[in-house]
Each structure stands twice: as C-alpha cells, then as structure tokens.
C-alpha cells in the first residue's frame, strides 16, 4: 500500500469496498451515471452508508436504474416504492427519481449521452486533487455550482451544489482521494485487462 486509505470509509466492509472499487473512478456509462445521480439525491440529509445499505433495494425498486423504465413508472409504482423499507421512503425523493429520469433522457437526446454532457464540463479529464487529508476537500465548488444550476434549469431536483459535488466525486469527474491513499490516481494501478 502507498499510504493510508481515505479515513471516511472507516472499517465497514461495504464502505471500504465502495471506496476501493468505485468512489473516484471515472464513470462514462449512462446507466451508472443515472444510478449515482438518483442515489446521491436520495442521500441528501442522510449518511452515505445508509444509502449503500439500501442500494439493492433501489436497484430492485427502480428497474436496475434503467432511465427509460424509471421515466415510465406509474404513480402506483411510486406509491408502492414508498411502502418499501429497502429504500429511503421520502415522497419527494421517490418522485424525483421519475422526474429526473425524464430530464436525463432529454439530456441524452440533446447531447448524445449524459456522459458526454457531464464530462464536457472538465474537458473529458478528471479533476485530480492532491489533498494531504480528505477533510481538506470542499463541500462544493464553482464546477458543482455550474452543473447544479444547469441540471436545475433542465428540470431536475435534489441536485443542489453540495449533492452534485458528492456526485462528481462518486463518478470520478473529481478525484478527492487524499494524496497518499492507494486509490488516488497517482498511485492506483490501471484496471487489469
């Protein structure tokens, strides 16, 4: 190991796996980008580990995060989701999944893919921070402000700047692993072929 793993993941095996295998790794797959957008919005006001523990429930309830199927969910399906303890049962957050799916699809149609639109904000290259400690990372930045504003203008909700900064970190548009973390891009091994 190069150094200390980012301490925010603690000792929970689920959190450690998320840190080591997902967080901060560049994502270009639209379905995965949609999944993380919905999960980050659901996390607002809660801990991320709560959402990770409910991730399978979200996948089941929201059609494996297929944006087309989520966009087509009926009011009855959304109401049924509110009875499912496998997800966060917040009426506004559940309804936002369908709303955001519809906007997501419109953005795909306009830009070719959501990934193309998102990554165009950073010239298709991750923003790599080199913080000595993860606690130096900001809660939001001018980049997250711009993306949040654009998503809100397009019609999404639960996409405030702080939520979007967490999203950018999660999908690797921004890499905020602390500088000595083995998962930092300066130290991480390329994926095996």
Protein backbone atom coordinates (compact mmCIF):
# COMPACT_ATOMS: atom_id res chain seq x y z
CA UNK A 1 0.00 0.00 0.00
CA UNK A 2 1.16 3.50 -0.78
CA UNK A 3 -0.31 5.10 2.31
CA UNK A 4 -3.45 5.45 4.35
CA UNK A 5 -6.86 4.78 2.80
CA UNK A 6 -9.16 7.81 3.00
CA UNK A 7 -10.45 7.54 6.58
CA UNK A 8 -14.07 8.47 5.77
CA UNK A 9 -14.92 4.86 4.95
CA UNK A 10 -13.96 3.64 8.41
CA UNK A 11 -13.96 -0.11 8.96
CA UNK A 12 -17.32 -1.15 7.46
CA UNK A 13 -16.54 -3.71 4.72
CA UNK A 14 -19.29 -2.31 2.46
CA UNK A 15 -17.90 1.21 2.80
CA UNK A 16 -14.31 0.03 2.27
CA UNK A 17 -15.30 -1.85 -0.90
CA UNK A 18 -17.15 1.22 -2.19
CA UNK A 19 -14.09 3.39 -1.52
CA UNK A 20 -11.60 0.94 -3.03
CA UNK A 21 -13.60 -0.17 -6.06
CA UNK A 22 -15.93 2.69 -7.04
CA UNK A 23 -15.51 6.10 -5.44
CA UNK A 24 -13.50 8.49 -7.57
CA UNK A 25 -13.15 6.13 -10.54
CA UNK A 26 -14.23 7.76 -13.81
CA UNK A 27 -17.66 6.59 -14.97
CA UNK A 28 -18.77 7.06 -18.59
CA UNK A 29 -21.70 4.62 -18.62
CA UNK A 30 -25.02 6.49 -18.64
CA UNK A 31 -26.90 3.91 -16.61
CA UNK A 32 -24.26 4.03 -13.86
CA UNK A 33 -24.26 7.84 -14.00
CA UNK A 34 -28.04 7.79 -13.61
CA UNK A 35 -27.84 5.35 -10.70
CA UNK A 36 -25.38 7.53 -8.83
CA UNK A 37 -27.41 10.67 -9.55
CA UNK A 38 -30.52 9.09 -8.00
CA UNK A 39 -28.60 7.67 -5.04
CA UNK A 40 -26.80 10.94 -4.30
CA UNK A 41 -30.13 12.77 -4.37
CA UNK A 42 -31.61 10.17 -2.01
CA UNK A 43 -28.65 10.66 0.32
CA UNK A 44 -29.35 14.38 0.90
CA UNK A 45 -29.56 14.83 4.66
CA UNK A 46 -28.53 11.22 5.38
CA UNK A 47 -25.29 9.30 5.67
CA UNK A 48 -23.87 7.65 2.56
CA UNK A 49 -23.57 4.30 4.33
CA UNK A 50 -27.36 4.36 4.78
CA UNK A 51 -27.75 4.63 1.01
CA UNK A 52 -25.13 1.95 0.31
CA UNK A 53 -27.01 -0.44 2.58
CA UNK A 54 -30.23 0.29 0.65
CA UNK A 55 -28.65 0.20 -2.81
CA UNK A 56 -30.03 -3.23 -3.70
CA UNK A 57 -33.49 -2.05 -2.69
CA UNK A 58 -33.12 0.94 -5.00
CA UNK A 59 -31.92 -1.27 -7.84
CA UNK A 60 -34.93 -3.55 -7.39
CA UNK A 61 -37.49 -0.79 -6.99
CA UNK A 62 -36.11 1.46 -9.77
CA UNK A 63 -35.64 -1.15 -12.51
CA UNK A 64 -31.86 -1.50 -12.14
CA UNK A 65 -31.69 2.25 -12.85
CA UNK A 66 -32.80 1.96 -16.44
CA UNK A 67 -33.69 5.63 -17.12
CA UNK A 68 -36.38 4.69 -19.68
CA UNK A 69 -38.16 2.37 -17.27
CA UNK A 70 -37.86 4.80 -14.35
CA UNK A 71 -39.22 7.62 -16.52
CA UNK A 72 -42.23 5.44 -17.34
CA UNK A 73 -43.02 4.48 -13.73
CA UNK A 74 -46.67 4.94 -12.84
CA UNK A 75 -47.97 6.82 -9.84
CA UNK A 76 -48.93 3.42 -8.42
CA UNK A 77 -45.35 2.16 -8.72
CA UNK A 78 -44.05 5.26 -6.97
CA UNK A 79 -46.64 4.80 -4.23
CA UNK A 80 -45.57 1.16 -3.82
CA UNK A 81 -41.95 2.31 -3.52
CA UNK A 82 -42.96 4.47 -0.57
CA UNK A 83 -44.00 1.30 1.28
CA UNK A 84 -40.66 -0.42 0.67
CA UNK A 85 -38.28 -0.30 3.68
CA UNK A 86 -35.48 -1.23 1.27
CA UNK A 87 -35.24 2.41 0.14
CA UNK A 88 -35.50 5.83 1.77
CA UNK A 89 -39.23 6.39 1.90
CA UNK A 90 -39.31 10.12 1.29
CA UNK A 91 -42.16 11.11 -1.03
CA UNK A 92 -40.27 13.97 -2.69
CA UNK A 93 -37.12 11.91 -3.26
CA UNK A 94 -39.06 8.97 -4.69
CA UNK A 95 -41.00 11.25 -7.06
CA UNK A 96 -37.77 12.95 -8.11
CA UNK A 97 -36.42 9.65 -9.49
CA UNK A 98 -39.09 9.66 -12.21
CA UNK A 99 -38.79 13.39 -12.83
CA UNK A 100 -35.00 13.25 -13.03
CA UNK A 101 -35.15 10.20 -15.33
CA UNK A 102 -37.27 12.15 -17.79
CA UNK A 103 -34.84 15.07 -17.76
CA UNK A 104 -31.89 12.66 -18.01
CA UNK A 105 -33.40 11.12 -21.18
CA UNK A 106 -33.99 14.55 -22.68
CA UNK A 107 -30.36 15.46 -21.98
CA UNK A 108 -29.19 12.22 -23.61
CA UNK A 109 -31.21 13.08 -26.71
CA UNK A 110 -29.81 16.60 -26.82
CA UNK A 111 -26.16 15.77 -26.14
CA UNK A 112 -25.72 12.23 -27.47
CA UNK A 113 -25.28 10.88 -23.96
CA UNK A 114 -25.43 12.20 -20.43
CA UNK A 115 -21.78 11.20 -20.06
CA UNK A 116 -20.80 13.44 -22.99
CA UNK A 117 -22.63 16.36 -21.41
CA UNK A 118 -21.18 15.76 -17.93
CA UNK A 119 -17.58 15.15 -18.96
CA UNK A 120 -17.60 18.17 -21.31
CA UNK A 121 -17.52 20.33 -18.17
CA UNK A 122 -13.98 19.13 -17.43
CA UNK A 123 -12.65 18.71 -20.98
CA UNK A 124 -13.19 14.96 -20.55
CA UNK A 125 -10.40 14.70 -17.99
CA UNK A 126 -10.92 14.10 -14.25
CA UNK A 127 -10.07 16.94 -11.89
CA UNK A 128 -7.47 15.38 -9.60
CA UNK A 129 -6.97 16.92 -6.17
CA UNK A 130 -3.92 16.29 -4.06
CA UNK A 131 -5.19 16.98 -0.58
CA UNK A 132 -2.98 15.75 2.26
CA UNK A 133 -6.17 14.90 4.14
CA UNK A 134 -9.62 14.15 2.79
CA UNK A 135 -11.07 16.74 5.18
CA UNK A 136 -9.49 19.46 3.01
CA UNK A 137 -11.96 18.67 0.20
CA UNK A 138 -14.68 21.30 -0.20
CA UNK A 139 -18.42 20.67 0.06
CA UNK A 140 -18.98 22.42 -3.28
CA UNK A 141 -17.01 24.23 -5.96
CA UNK A 142 -17.68 26.57 -8.89
CA UNK A 143 -17.81 23.40 -11.05
CA UNK A 144 -20.53 21.81 -8.92
CA UNK A 145 -22.33 25.16 -8.82
CA UNK A 146 -22.40 25.29 -12.64
CA UNK A 147 -23.52 21.70 -13.10
CA UNK A 148 -26.15 22.01 -10.37
CA UNK A 149 -27.53 25.18 -11.95
CA UNK A 150 -27.69 23.53 -15.39
CA UNK A 151 -29.46 20.43 -14.03
CA UNK A 152 -31.97 22.53 -12.12
CA UNK A 153 -32.60 24.65 -15.20
CA UNK A 154 -33.21 21.46 -17.18
CA UNK A 155 -35.83 20.45 -14.60
CA UNK A 156 -34.11 18.09 -12.14
CA UNK A 157 -34.43 18.31 -8.40
CA UNK A 158 -32.32 17.08 -5.46
CA UNK A 159 -29.31 18.32 -7.42
CA UNK A 160 -28.05 21.17 -5.24
CA UNK A 161 -24.37 22.07 -5.46
CA UNK A 162 -23.35 20.00 -2.42
CA UNK A 163 -25.21 16.93 -3.74
CA UNK A 164 -23.62 17.45 -7.15
CA UNK A 165 -20.13 17.80 -5.70
CA UNK A 166 -20.60 14.46 -3.91
CA UNK A 167 -21.86 13.06 -7.24
CA UNK A 168 -18.81 14.37 -9.11
CA UNK A 169 -16.58 12.71 -6.51
CA UNK A 170 -18.52 9.45 -6.71
CA UNK A 171 -18.34 9.16 -10.51
CA UNK A 172 -14.73 10.27 -10.77
CA UNK A 173 -15.23 13.60 -12.52
CA UNK A 174 -13.40 14.85 -9.43
CA UNK A 175 -10.90 12.66 -7.59
CA UNK A 176 -10.63 13.76 -3.98
CA UNK A 177 -8.83 10.73 -2.56
CA UNK A 178 -6.24 12.04 -0.16
CA UNK A 179 -2.82 12.20 -1.78
CA UNK A 180 -1.33 9.14 -0.07
CA UNK A 181 -4.41 6.94 -0.50
CA UNK A 182 -3.71 3.81 -2.55
CA UNK A 183 -6.82 4.65 -4.64
CA UNK A 184 -5.54 8.11 -5.60
CA UNK A 185 -4.92 8.26 -9.37
CA UNK A 186 -1.23 8.96 -8.73
CA UNK A 187 -0.93 5.53 -7.05
CA UNK A 188 -3.78 3.41 -8.37
CA UNK A 189 -2.92 0.55 -10.64
CA UNK A 190 -4.69 0.54 -14.01
CA UNK A 191 -7.52 -2.00 -14.24
CA UNK A 192 -6.38 -5.40 -15.48
CA UNK A 193 -7.46 -6.34 -18.99
